[in-house]
Amino acid sequence: MSVKRRVALSWSGGKDSCMTLDRLVKDGYEVVCLITTVPADIGRTFGHGERAERIRDQAEALGLPAEFVSCTFDTYTRDYIEALVDLKGRLRLEAVAFGDLFLAEHREWGTGVARAADLEALYPLWMKPDGTREALLRFVESGYRAVVIRVRDGALSGDWLGREVDRSFYEDILREDVCPMGEGGEYHTFVCDGPLFRRSVPFTKGEVLQLETTKRLEHGR
């Protein structure tokens, strides 16, 4: 019987991370932790601006440890490599997985930090840009639930905030001039439930914040 390879997953809290986790589990990997980067002085994630405690809620619902990497904008890559080296020692990592779809510069960065930590970089969802329509449909039909929490100004209106990524969302997003999966940052999501979740993570709509180039839907109290 083969031994499962031990993998850490770069986790944003959104649908792409979730589908990466789902694929890794189905392919027989042992996901030993979720890695999320958090600016040292903000307490929100680099990727989606999500509160760290909400990421922790997801990790607990999935039954996985959340590893937060405290970073600064100037030392982001160095901080990430140091975290991978530490995790490799503590958790006997063999690889780190990323949920990127087709952006070459993202893959180059991930492959570089993995190599620096003497780990393999995995990209289970990697596809051609024209595969994103089918990928979104797979998510819609997967049994996972996600809510739109952020939209980029000029790409999608604030009306999309709070929408569940369901069949109706799928049909509507195809009418927009954006990547259906939001790979260009057109929208971000928060996953609340699904096949790998031991329990759902409640999401209550809060206030909408206008940021420099995006609108963000806060979690209600």
N, C-alpha and C. Protein backbone atom coordinates (compact mmCIF):
# COMPACT_ATOMS: atom_id res chain seq x y z
N MET A 1 0.84 -1.19 0.00
CA MET A 1 0.00 0.00 0.00
C MET A 1 0.88 1.25 0.00
N SER A 2 0.65 2.15 -0.94
CA SER A 2 1.48 3.36 -1.05
C SER A 2 1.14 4.35 0.05
N VAL A 3 2.16 5.11 0.46
CA VAL A 3 1.99 6.13 1.48
C VAL A 3 1.53 7.43 0.82
N LYS A 4 0.52 8.05 1.38
CA LYS A 4 0.02 9.30 0.83
C LYS A 4 1.06 10.40 0.96
N ARG A 5 1.21 11.21 -0.06
CA ARG A 5 2.15 12.33 -0.02
C ARG A 5 1.54 13.46 0.79
N ARG A 6 2.37 14.06 1.63
CA ARG A 6 1.92 15.09 2.56
C ARG A 6 2.04 16.48 1.91
N VAL A 7 0.91 17.18 1.87
CA VAL A 7 0.82 18.44 1.12
C VAL A 7 0.23 19.54 1.98
N ALA A 8 0.77 20.74 1.84
CA ALA A 8 0.15 21.94 2.40
C ALA A 8 -0.57 22.65 1.27
N LEU A 9 -1.70 23.27 1.58
CA LEU A 9 -2.50 23.95 0.56
C LEU A 9 -2.56 25.44 0.83
N SER A 10 -2.19 26.24 -0.16
CA SER A 10 -2.35 27.68 -0.08
C SER A 10 -3.84 27.98 -0.11
N TRP A 11 -4.34 28.62 0.96
CA TRP A 11 -5.79 28.73 1.18
C TRP A 11 -6.22 30.19 1.28
N SER A 12 -7.11 30.61 0.38
CA SER A 12 -7.65 31.97 0.41
C SER A 12 -9.02 32.03 1.06
N GLY A 13 -9.68 30.86 1.13
CA GLY A 13 -11.05 30.81 1.65
C GLY A 13 -12.10 30.78 0.57
N GLY A 14 -11.66 30.90 -0.69
CA GLY A 14 -12.60 30.95 -1.80
C GLY A 14 -12.76 29.63 -2.54
N LYS A 15 -13.55 29.68 -3.61
CA LYS A 15 -13.93 28.47 -4.33
C LYS A 15 -12.75 27.76 -4.98
N ASP A 16 -11.76 28.50 -5.49
CA ASP A 16 -10.64 27.84 -6.15
C ASP A 16 -9.82 27.02 -5.15
N SER A 17 -9.58 27.60 -3.98
CA SER A 17 -8.88 26.85 -2.93
C SER A 17 -9.66 25.60 -2.55
N CYS A 18 -10.96 25.76 -2.44
CA CYS A 18 -11.81 24.64 -2.05
C CYS A 18 -11.77 23.51 -3.07
N MET A 19 -11.85 23.88 -4.35
CA MET A 19 -11.82 22.86 -5.39
C MET A 19 -10.44 22.20 -5.49
N THR A 20 -9.40 22.96 -5.16
CA THR A 20 -8.07 22.37 -5.11
C THR A 20 -7.98 21.33 -4.00
N LEU A 21 -8.52 21.67 -2.83
CA LEU A 21 -8.56 20.72 -1.72
C LEU A 21 -9.33 19.47 -2.12
N ASP A 22 -10.48 19.66 -2.73
CA ASP A 22 -11.31 18.54 -3.15
C ASP A 22 -10.54 17.63 -4.11
N ARG A 23 -9.85 18.22 -5.07
CA ARG A 23 -9.09 17.44 -6.04
C ARG A 23 -7.93 16.70 -5.38
N LEU A 24 -7.23 17.36 -4.48
CA LEU A 24 -6.11 16.71 -3.80
C LEU A 24 -6.58 15.49 -3.02
N VAL A 25 -7.68 15.64 -2.29
CA VAL A 25 -8.21 14.52 -1.51
C VAL A 25 -8.62 13.37 -2.43
N LYS A 26 -9.29 13.69 -3.52
CA LYS A 26 -9.73 12.64 -4.45
C LYS A 26 -8.55 11.96 -5.13
N ASP A 27 -7.46 12.71 -5.32
CA ASP A 27 -6.28 12.14 -5.97
C ASP A 27 -5.37 11.40 -4.99
N GLY A 28 -5.76 11.34 -3.72
CA GLY A 28 -5.03 10.53 -2.76
C GLY A 28 -3.94 11.20 -1.98
N TYR A 29 -3.87 12.54 -2.04
CA TYR A 29 -2.89 13.27 -1.24
C TYR A 29 -3.39 13.41 0.21
N GLU A 30 -2.47 13.58 1.12
CA GLU A 30 -2.82 13.89 2.51
C GLU A 30 -2.57 15.38 2.75
N VAL A 31 -3.63 16.16 2.80
CA VAL A 31 -3.50 17.60 3.06
C VAL A 31 -3.35 17.78 4.56
N VAL A 32 -2.21 18.30 4.97
CA VAL A 32 -1.90 18.36 6.40
C VAL A 32 -2.14 19.73 7.01
N CYS A 33 -2.27 20.78 6.17
CA CYS A 33 -2.59 22.10 6.70
C CYS A 33 -3.00 23.04 5.58
N LEU A 34 -3.66 24.12 5.98
CA LEU A 34 -4.01 25.21 5.08
C LEU A 34 -3.12 26.40 5.40
N ILE A 35 -2.50 26.99 4.39
CA ILE A 35 -1.60 28.13 4.59
C ILE A 35 -2.27 29.40 4.09
N THR A 36 -2.33 30.40 4.95
CA THR A 36 -2.92 31.69 4.58
C THR A 36 -1.99 32.81 5.01
N THR A 37 -1.72 33.72 4.09
CA THR A 37 -0.85 34.85 4.41
C THR A 37 -1.67 36.03 4.94
N VAL A 38 -1.13 36.65 5.98
CA VAL A 38 -1.82 37.76 6.65
C VAL A 38 -0.82 38.90 6.85
N PRO A 39 -1.13 40.10 6.37
CA PRO A 39 -0.24 41.23 6.63
C PRO A 39 -0.02 41.41 8.12
N ALA A 40 1.21 41.65 8.50
CA ALA A 40 1.57 41.68 9.92
C ALA A 40 0.79 42.73 10.71
N ASP A 41 0.40 43.83 10.07
CA ASP A 41 -0.22 44.92 10.82
C ASP A 41 -1.71 45.11 10.53
N ILE A 42 -2.32 44.15 9.81
CA ILE A 42 -3.73 44.32 9.42
C ILE A 42 -4.64 43.26 10.02
N GLY A 43 -4.20 42.00 10.01
CA GLY A 43 -5.04 40.93 10.54
C GLY A 43 -6.08 40.43 9.56
N ARG A 44 -5.95 40.82 8.30
CA ARG A 44 -6.82 40.30 7.24
C ARG A 44 -5.94 39.63 6.18
N THR A 45 -6.51 38.71 5.45
CA THR A 45 -5.72 37.95 4.50
C THR A 45 -5.26 38.82 3.33
N PHE A 46 -4.09 38.47 2.80
CA PHE A 46 -3.58 39.16 1.61
C PHE A 46 -4.51 38.93 0.42
N GLY A 47 -4.97 37.70 0.25
CA GLY A 47 -5.70 37.36 -0.96
C GLY A 47 -7.03 38.06 -1.13
N HIS A 48 -7.91 37.94 -0.13
CA HIS A 48 -9.27 38.44 -0.27
C HIS A 48 -9.65 39.51 0.75
N GLY A 49 -8.71 39.85 1.65
CA GLY A 49 -9.05 40.80 2.69
C GLY A 49 -10.00 40.23 3.73
N GLU A 50 -9.96 38.92 3.89
CA GLU A 50 -10.85 38.23 4.82
C GLU A 50 -10.26 38.27 6.23
N ARG A 51 -11.13 38.31 7.23
CA ARG A 51 -10.66 38.26 8.61
C ARG A 51 -10.05 36.89 8.91
N ALA A 52 -8.96 36.90 9.65
CA ALA A 52 -8.26 35.66 9.94
C ALA A 52 -9.16 34.68 10.68
N GLU A 53 -10.04 35.19 11.53
CA GLU A 53 -10.90 34.27 12.29
C GLU A 53 -11.89 33.52 11.40
N ARG A 54 -12.25 34.13 10.27
CA ARG A 54 -13.15 33.45 9.35
C ARG A 54 -12.43 32.31 8.62
N ILE A 55 -11.16 32.50 8.33
CA ILE A 55 -10.35 31.42 7.76
C ILE A 55 -10.22 30.29 8.78
N ARG A 56 -10.03 30.66 10.03
CA ARG A 56 -9.92 29.66 11.08
C ARG A 56 -11.23 28.88 11.21
N ASP A 57 -12.37 29.56 11.07
CA ASP A 57 -13.66 28.88 11.10
C ASP A 57 -13.76 27.83 10.00
N GLN A 58 -13.31 28.20 8.81
CA GLN A 58 -13.34 27.24 7.70
C GLN A 58 -12.44 26.04 7.99
N ALA A 59 -11.23 26.30 8.46
CA ALA A 59 -10.29 25.22 8.74
C ALA A 59 -10.85 24.25 9.77
N GLU A 60 -11.45 24.79 10.82
CA GLU A 60 -12.04 23.94 11.85
C GLU A 60 -13.18 23.11 11.28
N ALA A 61 -13.99 23.71 10.42
CA ALA A 61 -15.11 22.98 9.81
C ALA A 61 -14.61 21.88 8.88
N LEU A 62 -13.42 22.08 8.31
CA LEU A 62 -12.82 21.08 7.43
C LEU A 62 -11.98 20.06 8.19
N GLY A 63 -11.73 20.32 9.47
CA GLY A 63 -10.91 19.42 10.27
C GLY A 63 -9.43 19.49 9.92
N LEU A 64 -8.97 20.68 9.50
CA LEU A 64 -7.57 20.86 9.13
C LEU A 64 -6.96 22.02 9.91
N PRO A 65 -5.67 21.95 10.23
CA PRO A 65 -5.01 23.07 10.91
C PRO A 65 -4.84 24.26 9.96
N ALA A 66 -5.04 25.46 10.47
CA ALA A 66 -4.78 26.68 9.72
C ALA A 66 -3.43 27.23 10.15
N GLU A 67 -2.55 27.44 9.19
CA GLU A 67 -1.23 28.01 9.45
C GLU A 67 -1.21 29.41 8.86
N PHE A 68 -1.09 30.44 9.71
CA PHE A 68 -1.07 31.81 9.23
C PHE A 68 0.37 32.30 9.11
N VAL A 69 0.69 32.84 7.95
CA VAL A 69 2.03 33.36 7.68
C VAL A 69 1.97 34.88 7.78
N SER A 70 2.63 35.43 8.79
CA SER A 70 2.67 36.87 8.97
C SER A 70 3.69 37.46 8.00
N CYS A 71 3.21 38.35 7.13
CA CYS A 71 4.06 38.89 6.07
C CYS A 71 3.99 40.41 6.04
N THR A 72 4.94 40.99 5.34
CA THR A 72 4.83 42.39 4.95
C THR A 72 4.87 42.43 3.43
N PHE A 73 4.43 43.52 2.84
CA PHE A 73 4.44 43.63 1.39
C PHE A 73 5.86 43.55 0.85
N ASP A 74 6.81 44.10 1.58
CA ASP A 74 8.19 44.14 1.10
C ASP A 74 8.92 42.80 1.23
N THR A 75 8.49 41.98 2.20
CA THR A 75 9.21 40.73 2.45
C THR A 75 8.32 39.50 2.21
N TYR A 76 7.28 39.67 1.42
CA TYR A 76 6.27 38.62 1.24
C TYR A 76 6.90 37.29 0.81
N THR A 77 7.69 37.32 -0.24
CA THR A 77 8.26 36.07 -0.76
C THR A 77 9.19 35.43 0.25
N ARG A 78 10.05 36.22 0.86
CA ARG A 78 10.97 35.68 1.86
C ARG A 78 10.22 35.08 3.05
N ASP A 79 9.18 35.79 3.52
CA ASP A 79 8.39 35.29 4.64
C ASP A 79 7.71 33.97 4.29
N TYR A 80 7.24 33.88 3.07
CA TYR A 80 6.53 32.66 2.65
C TYR A 80 7.50 31.48 2.59
N ILE A 81 8.68 31.71 2.04
CA ILE A 81 9.66 30.63 1.97
C ILE A 81 10.05 30.17 3.36
N GLU A 82 10.28 31.10 4.25
CA GLU A 82 10.64 30.74 5.62
C GLU A 82 9.54 29.92 6.28
N ALA A 83 8.29 30.29 6.02
CA ALA A 83 7.16 29.53 6.58
C ALA A 83 7.12 28.12 6.01
N LEU A 84 7.36 27.98 4.71
CA LEU A 84 7.37 26.65 4.10
C LEU A 84 8.48 25.78 4.69
N VAL A 85 9.65 26.35 4.88
CA VAL A 85 10.76 25.60 5.46
C VAL A 85 10.40 25.12 6.86
N ASP A 86 9.78 26.01 7.64
CA ASP A 86 9.35 25.64 9.00
C ASP A 86 8.31 24.53 8.97
N LEU A 87 7.32 24.67 8.08
CA LEU A 87 6.27 23.66 8.00
C LEU A 87 6.82 22.32 7.50
N LYS A 88 7.75 22.40 6.58
CA LYS A 88 8.36 21.16 6.08
C LYS A 88 9.00 20.39 7.23
N GLY A 89 9.68 21.12 8.12
CA GLY A 89 10.32 20.47 9.25
C GLY A 89 9.32 19.93 10.25
N ARG A 90 8.31 20.71 10.55
CA ARG A 90 7.34 20.33 11.58
C ARG A 90 6.34 19.27 11.10
N LEU A 91 5.91 19.38 9.85
CA LEU A 91 4.82 18.53 9.35
C LEU A 91 5.26 17.53 8.30
N ARG A 92 6.56 17.48 8.04
CA ARG A 92 7.11 16.54 7.05
C ARG A 92 6.45 16.72 5.67
N LEU A 93 6.37 17.96 5.26
CA LEU A 93 5.77 18.26 3.96
C LEU A 93 6.63 17.73 2.82
N GLU A 94 5.95 17.34 1.76
CA GLU A 94 6.62 16.96 0.52
C GLU A 94 6.27 17.89 -0.63
N ALA A 95 5.13 18.61 -0.49
CA ALA A 95 4.69 19.48 -1.57
C ALA A 95 3.79 20.57 -1.02
N VAL A 96 3.62 21.63 -1.82
CA VAL A 96 2.67 22.69 -1.51
C VAL A 96 1.81 22.89 -2.75
N ALA A 97 0.50 23.01 -2.56
CA ALA A 97 -0.44 23.11 -3.67
C ALA A 97 -1.05 24.50 -3.74
N PHE A 98 -1.31 24.95 -4.95
CA PHE A 98 -1.90 26.25 -5.20
C PHE A 98 -3.14 26.10 -6.09
N GLY A 99 -4.08 27.04 -5.92
CA GLY A 99 -5.33 26.97 -6.67
C GLY A 99 -5.36 27.83 -7.92
N ASP A 100 -4.21 28.25 -8.42
CA ASP A 100 -4.18 29.08 -9.62
C ASP A 100 -4.68 28.28 -10.83
N LEU A 101 -5.26 29.01 -11.79
CA LEU A 101 -5.87 28.36 -12.94
C LEU A 101 -5.04 28.47 -14.21
N PHE A 102 -4.59 29.69 -14.56
CA PHE A 102 -3.84 29.81 -15.81
C PHE A 102 -2.86 30.98 -15.87
N LEU A 103 -2.74 31.78 -14.82
CA LEU A 103 -1.85 32.92 -14.86
C LEU A 103 -0.40 32.47 -14.65
N ALA A 104 0.40 32.61 -15.71
CA ALA A 104 1.77 32.08 -15.70
C ALA A 104 2.63 32.70 -14.61
N GLU A 105 2.45 34.02 -14.37
CA GLU A 105 3.30 34.66 -13.37
C GLU A 105 3.02 34.14 -11.96
N HIS A 106 1.76 33.76 -11.70
CA HIS A 106 1.43 33.17 -10.40
C HIS A 106 2.09 31.80 -10.24
N ARG A 107 2.05 31.03 -11.32
CA ARG A 107 2.66 29.70 -11.24
C ARG A 107 4.17 29.80 -11.08
N GLU A 108 4.79 30.76 -11.76
CA GLU A 108 6.23 30.95 -11.63
C GLU A 108 6.60 31.29 -10.19
N TRP A 109 5.79 32.15 -9.55
CA TRP A 109 6.08 32.52 -8.17
C TRP A 109 5.95 31.31 -7.25
N GLY A 110 4.84 30.59 -7.38
CA GLY A 110 4.62 29.43 -6.52
C GLY A 110 5.67 28.35 -6.70
N THR A 111 6.04 28.11 -7.95
CA THR A 111 7.08 27.12 -8.21
C THR A 111 8.41 27.56 -7.61
N GLY A 112 8.67 28.87 -7.67
CA GLY A 112 9.91 29.40 -7.13
C GLY A 112 10.01 29.27 -5.62
N VAL A 113 8.94 29.62 -4.90
CA VAL A 113 9.00 29.52 -3.44
C VAL A 113 9.05 28.07 -2.99
N ALA A 114 8.35 27.19 -3.72
CA ALA A 114 8.40 25.77 -3.38
C ALA A 114 9.81 25.23 -3.58
N ARG A 115 10.43 25.59 -4.70
CA ARG A 115 11.80 25.12 -4.98
C ARG A 115 12.77 25.61 -3.91
N ALA A 116 12.58 26.86 -3.46
CA ALA A 116 13.46 27.42 -2.44
C ALA A 116 13.35 26.66 -1.12
N ALA A 117 12.18 26.07 -0.88
CA ALA A 117 11.97 25.29 0.34
C ALA A 117 12.17 23.79 0.11
N ASP A 118 12.65 23.45 -1.10
CA ASP A 118 12.87 22.05 -1.48
C ASP A 118 11.58 21.24 -1.41
N LEU A 119 10.52 21.82 -1.95
CA LEU A 119 9.23 21.16 -2.03
C LEU A 119 8.76 21.15 -3.49
N GLU A 120 7.85 20.25 -3.79
CA GLU A 120 7.22 20.24 -5.11
C GLU A 120 6.04 21.20 -5.11
N ALA A 121 5.82 21.90 -6.20
CA ALA A 121 4.65 22.78 -6.34
C ALA A 121 3.60 22.05 -7.17
N LEU A 122 2.37 21.99 -6.63
CA LEU A 122 1.27 21.31 -7.31
C LEU A 122 0.21 22.32 -7.75
N TYR A 123 -0.31 22.13 -8.94
CA TYR A 123 -1.37 23.00 -9.48
C TYR A 123 -2.49 22.11 -10.03
N PRO A 124 -3.30 21.53 -9.16
CA PRO A 124 -4.30 20.55 -9.59
C PRO A 124 -5.37 21.10 -10.54
N LEU A 125 -5.62 22.41 -10.50
CA LEU A 125 -6.69 22.97 -11.32
C LEU A 125 -6.17 23.60 -12.61
N TRP A 126 -4.90 23.50 -12.90
CA TRP A 126 -4.30 24.23 -14.02
C TRP A 126 -5.03 23.89 -15.33
N MET A 127 -5.33 24.92 -16.10
CA MET A 127 -6.13 24.75 -17.32
C MET A 127 -5.82 25.86 -18.31
N LYS A 128 -6.35 25.72 -19.51
CA LYS A 128 -6.28 26.80 -20.48
C LYS A 128 -7.37 27.82 -20.15
N PRO A 129 -7.17 29.08 -20.51
CA PRO A 129 -8.17 30.11 -20.17
C PRO A 129 -9.58 29.78 -20.64
N ASP A 130 -9.70 29.07 -21.76
CA ASP A 130 -11.05 28.76 -22.26
C ASP A 130 -11.72 27.61 -21.49
N GLY A 131 -11.02 27.09 -20.47
CA GLY A 131 -11.62 26.03 -19.67
C GLY A 131 -12.34 26.53 -18.43
N THR A 132 -12.35 27.86 -18.23
CA THR A 132 -12.91 28.39 -16.99
C THR A 132 -14.44 28.27 -16.93
N ARG A 133 -15.08 28.32 -18.06
CA ARG A 133 -16.54 28.18 -18.07
C ARG A 133 -16.94 26.80 -17.54
N GLU A 134 -16.28 25.78 -18.04
CA GLU A 134 -16.56 24.42 -17.58
C GLU A 134 -16.16 24.25 -16.11
N ALA A 135 -15.07 24.89 -15.71
CA ALA A 135 -14.62 24.79 -14.32
C ALA A 135 -15.64 25.38 -13.36
N LEU A 136 -16.23 26.51 -13.74
CA LEU A 136 -17.24 27.12 -12.88
C LEU A 136 -18.46 26.21 -12.76
N LEU A 137 -18.86 25.61 -13.86
CA LEU A 137 -20.00 24.70 -13.81
C LEU A 137 -19.71 23.51 -12.91
N ARG A 138 -18.47 23.01 -12.93
CA ARG A 138 -18.12 21.91 -12.04
C ARG A 138 -18.27 22.31 -10.58
N PHE A 139 -17.85 23.55 -10.28
CA PHE A 139 -18.02 24.00 -8.90
C PHE A 139 -19.49 24.09 -8.53
N VAL A 140 -20.30 24.67 -9.40
CA VAL A 140 -21.73 24.83 -9.14
C VAL A 140 -22.38 23.47 -8.86
N GLU A 141 -21.91 22.44 -9.54
CA GLU A 141 -22.51 21.11 -9.41
C GLU A 141 -21.79 20.23 -8.38
N SER A 142 -20.81 20.80 -7.68
CA SER A 142 -19.96 20.01 -6.77
C SER A 142 -20.58 19.74 -5.41
N GLY A 143 -21.57 20.54 -5.03
CA GLY A 143 -22.13 20.41 -3.69
C GLY A 143 -21.54 21.40 -2.70
N TYR A 144 -20.51 22.15 -3.12
CA TYR A 144 -19.95 23.20 -2.26
C TYR A 144 -20.77 24.48 -2.42
N ARG A 145 -20.78 25.28 -1.37
CA ARG A 145 -21.51 26.54 -1.40
C ARG A 145 -20.54 27.69 -1.15
N ALA A 146 -20.63 28.71 -1.99
CA ALA A 146 -19.75 29.87 -1.85
C ALA A 146 -20.56 31.14 -2.10
N VAL A 147 -20.15 32.21 -1.43
CA VAL A 147 -20.81 33.51 -1.53
C VAL A 147 -19.80 34.53 -2.04
N VAL A 148 -20.24 35.42 -2.92
CA VAL A 148 -19.36 36.48 -3.43
C VAL A 148 -19.16 37.53 -2.34
N ILE A 149 -17.89 37.79 -1.99
CA ILE A 149 -17.59 38.74 -0.91
C ILE A 149 -16.82 39.97 -1.40
N ARG A 150 -16.38 39.94 -2.66
CA ARG A 150 -15.59 41.08 -3.15
C ARG A 150 -15.72 41.17 -4.66
N VAL A 151 -15.87 42.39 -5.18
CA VAL A 151 -15.89 42.61 -6.62
C VAL A 151 -14.97 43.76 -6.97
N ARG A 152 -14.40 43.69 -8.16
CA ARG A 152 -13.50 44.74 -8.60
C ARG A 152 -14.28 45.80 -9.37
N ASP A 153 -14.06 47.05 -9.00
CA ASP A 153 -14.72 48.15 -9.69
C ASP A 153 -14.36 48.13 -11.17
N GLY A 154 -15.36 48.37 -12.00
CA GLY A 154 -15.14 48.34 -13.43
C GLY A 154 -15.31 46.98 -14.05
N ALA A 155 -15.38 45.94 -13.21
CA ALA A 155 -15.59 44.58 -13.71
C ALA A 155 -17.00 44.10 -13.41
N LEU A 156 -17.40 44.21 -12.14
CA LEU A 156 -18.73 43.80 -11.72
C LEU A 156 -19.30 44.83 -10.76
N SER A 157 -20.61 45.00 -10.77
CA SER A 157 -21.25 45.97 -9.88
C SER A 157 -21.43 45.38 -8.48
N GLY A 158 -21.75 46.25 -7.54
CA GLY A 158 -21.96 45.81 -6.17
C GLY A 158 -23.14 44.88 -5.99
N ASP A 159 -24.02 44.79 -6.99
CA ASP A 159 -25.17 43.89 -6.92
C ASP A 159 -24.75 42.43 -6.84
N TRP A 160 -23.54 42.14 -7.26
CA TRP A 160 -23.06 40.76 -7.22
C TRP A 160 -22.66 40.33 -5.81
N LEU A 161 -22.38 41.28 -4.94
CA LEU A 161 -21.98 40.94 -3.57
C LEU A 161 -23.09 40.20 -2.85
N GLY A 162 -22.72 39.13 -2.16
CA GLY A 162 -23.69 38.35 -1.41
C GLY A 162 -24.37 37.27 -2.21
N ARG A 163 -24.13 37.23 -3.52
CA ARG A 163 -24.76 36.19 -4.33
C ARG A 163 -24.08 34.85 -4.12
N GLU A 164 -24.88 33.81 -4.09
CA GLU A 164 -24.33 32.46 -4.00
C GLU A 164 -23.90 32.02 -5.39
N VAL A 165 -22.80 31.28 -5.44
CA VAL A 165 -22.29 30.79 -6.72
C VAL A 165 -23.07 29.52 -7.08
N ASP A 166 -24.23 29.74 -7.66
CA ASP A 166 -25.13 28.65 -8.03
C ASP A 166 -25.40 28.68 -9.53
N ARG A 167 -26.39 27.93 -9.97
CA ARG A 167 -26.68 27.85 -11.41
C ARG A 167 -27.08 29.22 -11.97
N SER A 168 -27.84 29.97 -11.20
CA SER A 168 -28.24 31.30 -11.64
C SER A 168 -27.02 32.21 -11.80
N PHE A 169 -26.11 32.13 -10.83
CA PHE A 169 -24.87 32.90 -10.91
C PHE A 169 -24.10 32.51 -12.17
N TYR A 170 -24.00 31.21 -12.41
CA TYR A 170 -23.27 30.72 -13.58
C TYR A 170 -23.84 31.30 -14.87
N GLU A 171 -25.15 31.26 -14.99
CA GLU A 171 -25.78 31.75 -16.21
C GLU A 171 -25.59 33.26 -16.38
N ASP A 172 -25.64 33.99 -15.26
CA ASP A 172 -25.51 35.45 -15.33
C ASP A 172 -24.07 35.89 -15.59
N ILE A 173 -23.10 35.20 -14.99
CA ILE A 173 -21.70 35.64 -15.14
C ILE A 173 -21.22 35.44 -16.57
N LEU A 174 -21.81 34.47 -17.28
CA LEU A 174 -21.41 34.23 -18.65
C LEU A 174 -21.82 35.38 -19.57
N ARG A 175 -22.73 36.21 -19.12
CA ARG A 175 -23.16 37.35 -19.91
C ARG A 175 -22.25 38.57 -19.69
N GLU A 176 -21.36 38.47 -18.72
CA GLU A 176 -20.47 39.57 -18.40
C GLU A 176 -19.13 39.40 -19.12
N ASP A 177 -18.44 40.51 -19.34
CA ASP A 177 -17.14 40.48 -20.00
C ASP A 177 -16.03 40.28 -18.97
N VAL A 178 -16.08 39.13 -18.28
CA VAL A 178 -15.10 38.80 -17.24
C VAL A 178 -14.77 37.32 -17.36
N CYS A 179 -13.69 36.93 -16.70
CA CYS A 179 -13.39 35.50 -16.60
C CYS A 179 -14.47 34.86 -15.74
N PRO A 180 -15.13 33.80 -16.20
CA PRO A 180 -16.19 33.18 -15.40
C PRO A 180 -15.75 32.77 -14.00
N MET A 181 -14.48 32.39 -13.85
CA MET A 181 -13.97 31.98 -12.54
C MET A 181 -13.39 33.15 -11.74
N GLY A 182 -13.36 34.33 -12.35
CA GLY A 182 -12.81 35.48 -11.65
C GLY A 182 -11.31 35.43 -11.48
N GLU A 183 -10.61 34.76 -12.39
CA GLU A 183 -9.17 34.58 -12.25
C GLU A 183 -8.41 35.90 -12.35
N GLY A 184 -9.03 36.90 -12.98
CA GLY A 184 -8.40 38.21 -13.07
C GLY A 184 -8.73 39.11 -11.90
N GLY A 185 -9.30 38.54 -10.82
CA GLY A 185 -9.66 39.33 -9.65
C GLY A 185 -10.97 40.05 -9.78
N GLU A 186 -11.79 39.65 -10.77
CA GLU A 186 -13.08 40.30 -10.97
C GLU A 186 -14.01 40.10 -9.78
N TYR A 187 -13.90 38.94 -9.14
CA TYR A 187 -14.68 38.69 -7.92
C TYR A 187 -13.97 37.64 -7.06
N HIS A 188 -14.28 37.67 -5.77
CA HIS A 188 -13.75 36.68 -4.82
C HIS A 188 -14.90 36.10 -4.02
N THR A 189 -14.68 34.92 -3.49
CA THR A 189 -15.76 34.21 -2.80
C THR A 189 -15.31 33.69 -1.44
N PHE A 190 -16.30 33.30 -0.64
CA PHE A 190 -16.06 32.65 0.65
C PHE A 190 -16.87 31.36 0.66
N VAL A 191 -16.20 30.23 0.89
CA VAL A 191 -16.88 28.93 0.87
C VAL A 191 -17.44 28.62 2.25
N CYS A 192 -18.72 28.24 2.27
CA CYS A 192 -19.44 28.05 3.54
C CYS A 192 -19.72 26.60 3.89
N ASP A 193 -19.77 25.73 2.88
CA ASP A 193 -20.23 24.36 3.15
C ASP A 193 -19.87 23.49 1.95
N GLY A 194 -20.02 22.18 2.14
CA GLY A 194 -19.76 21.27 1.04
C GLY A 194 -19.35 19.90 1.52
N PRO A 195 -19.06 18.98 0.58
CA PRO A 195 -18.80 17.59 0.92
C PRO A 195 -17.69 17.35 1.94
N LEU A 196 -16.63 18.15 1.94
CA LEU A 196 -15.53 17.93 2.88
C LEU A 196 -15.73 18.64 4.21
N PHE A 197 -16.76 19.47 4.30
CA PHE A 197 -17.02 20.21 5.54
C PHE A 197 -17.74 19.32 6.55
N ARG A 198 -17.26 19.35 7.79
CA ARG A 198 -17.94 18.61 8.86
C ARG A 198 -19.17 19.36 9.35
N ARG A 199 -19.17 20.67 9.16
CA ARG A 199 -20.31 21.52 9.49
C ARG A 199 -20.24 22.76 8.61
N SER A 200 -21.35 23.42 8.46
CA SER A 200 -21.36 24.63 7.66
C SER A 200 -20.75 25.79 8.44
N VAL A 201 -20.25 26.78 7.73
CA VAL A 201 -19.71 27.98 8.33
C VAL A 201 -20.71 29.10 8.06
N PRO A 202 -21.39 29.58 9.08
CA PRO A 202 -22.45 30.58 8.86
C PRO A 202 -21.90 31.84 8.17
N PHE A 203 -22.71 32.38 7.27
CA PHE A 203 -22.36 33.65 6.63
C PHE A 203 -23.59 34.55 6.69
N THR A 204 -23.43 35.69 7.34
CA THR A 204 -24.49 36.69 7.42
C THR A 204 -24.00 37.96 6.75
N LYS A 205 -24.80 38.50 5.85
CA LYS A 205 -24.39 39.69 5.12
C LYS A 205 -24.28 40.89 6.05
N GLY A 206 -23.14 41.58 5.98
CA GLY A 206 -22.93 42.79 6.75
C GLY A 206 -22.86 44.00 5.85
N GLU A 207 -22.07 44.98 6.26
CA GLU A 207 -21.98 46.21 5.47
C GLU A 207 -21.07 46.02 4.26
N VAL A 208 -21.28 46.87 3.27
CA VAL A 208 -20.43 46.89 2.08
C VAL A 208 -19.44 48.04 2.21
N LEU A 209 -18.16 47.74 2.06
CA LEU A 209 -17.11 48.74 2.16
C LEU A 209 -16.56 49.06 0.78
N GLN A 210 -16.46 50.33 0.47
CA GLN A 210 -15.82 50.75 -0.77
C GLN A 210 -14.33 50.95 -0.50
N LEU A 211 -13.50 50.14 -1.14
CA LEU A 211 -12.06 50.24 -0.99
C LEU A 211 -11.47 50.96 -2.21
N GLU A 212 -10.17 50.94 -2.34
CA GLU A 212 -9.53 51.72 -3.40
C GLU A 212 -9.98 51.32 -4.79
N THR A 213 -10.02 50.03 -5.07
CA THR A 213 -10.42 49.56 -6.40
C THR A 213 -11.47 48.45 -6.35
N THR A 214 -11.95 48.14 -5.16
CA THR A 214 -12.91 47.04 -5.01
C THR A 214 -13.97 47.40 -3.98
N LYS A 215 -15.05 46.62 -4.01
CA LYS A 215 -16.06 46.67 -2.96
C LYS A 215 -16.01 45.35 -2.22
N ARG A 216 -16.12 45.39 -0.89
CA ARG A 216 -16.06 44.17 -0.08
C ARG A 216 -17.28 44.06 0.81
N LEU A 217 -17.86 42.89 0.82
CA LEU A 217 -18.99 42.59 1.71
C LEU A 217 -18.44 41.99 2.99
N GLU A 218 -18.71 42.70 4.09
CA GLU A 218 -18.27 42.21 5.39
C GLU A 218 -19.21 41.11 5.91
N HIS A 219 -18.68 40.26 6.77
CA HIS A 219 -19.52 39.30 7.47
C HIS A 219 -20.31 40.02 8.56
N GLY A 220 -21.59 39.73 8.65
CA GLY A 220 -22.40 40.32 9.70
C GLY A 220 -22.09 39.69 11.04
N ARG A 221 -22.48 40.36 12.07
CA ARG A 221 -22.23 39.86 13.42
C ARG A 221 -23.39 38.99 13.90
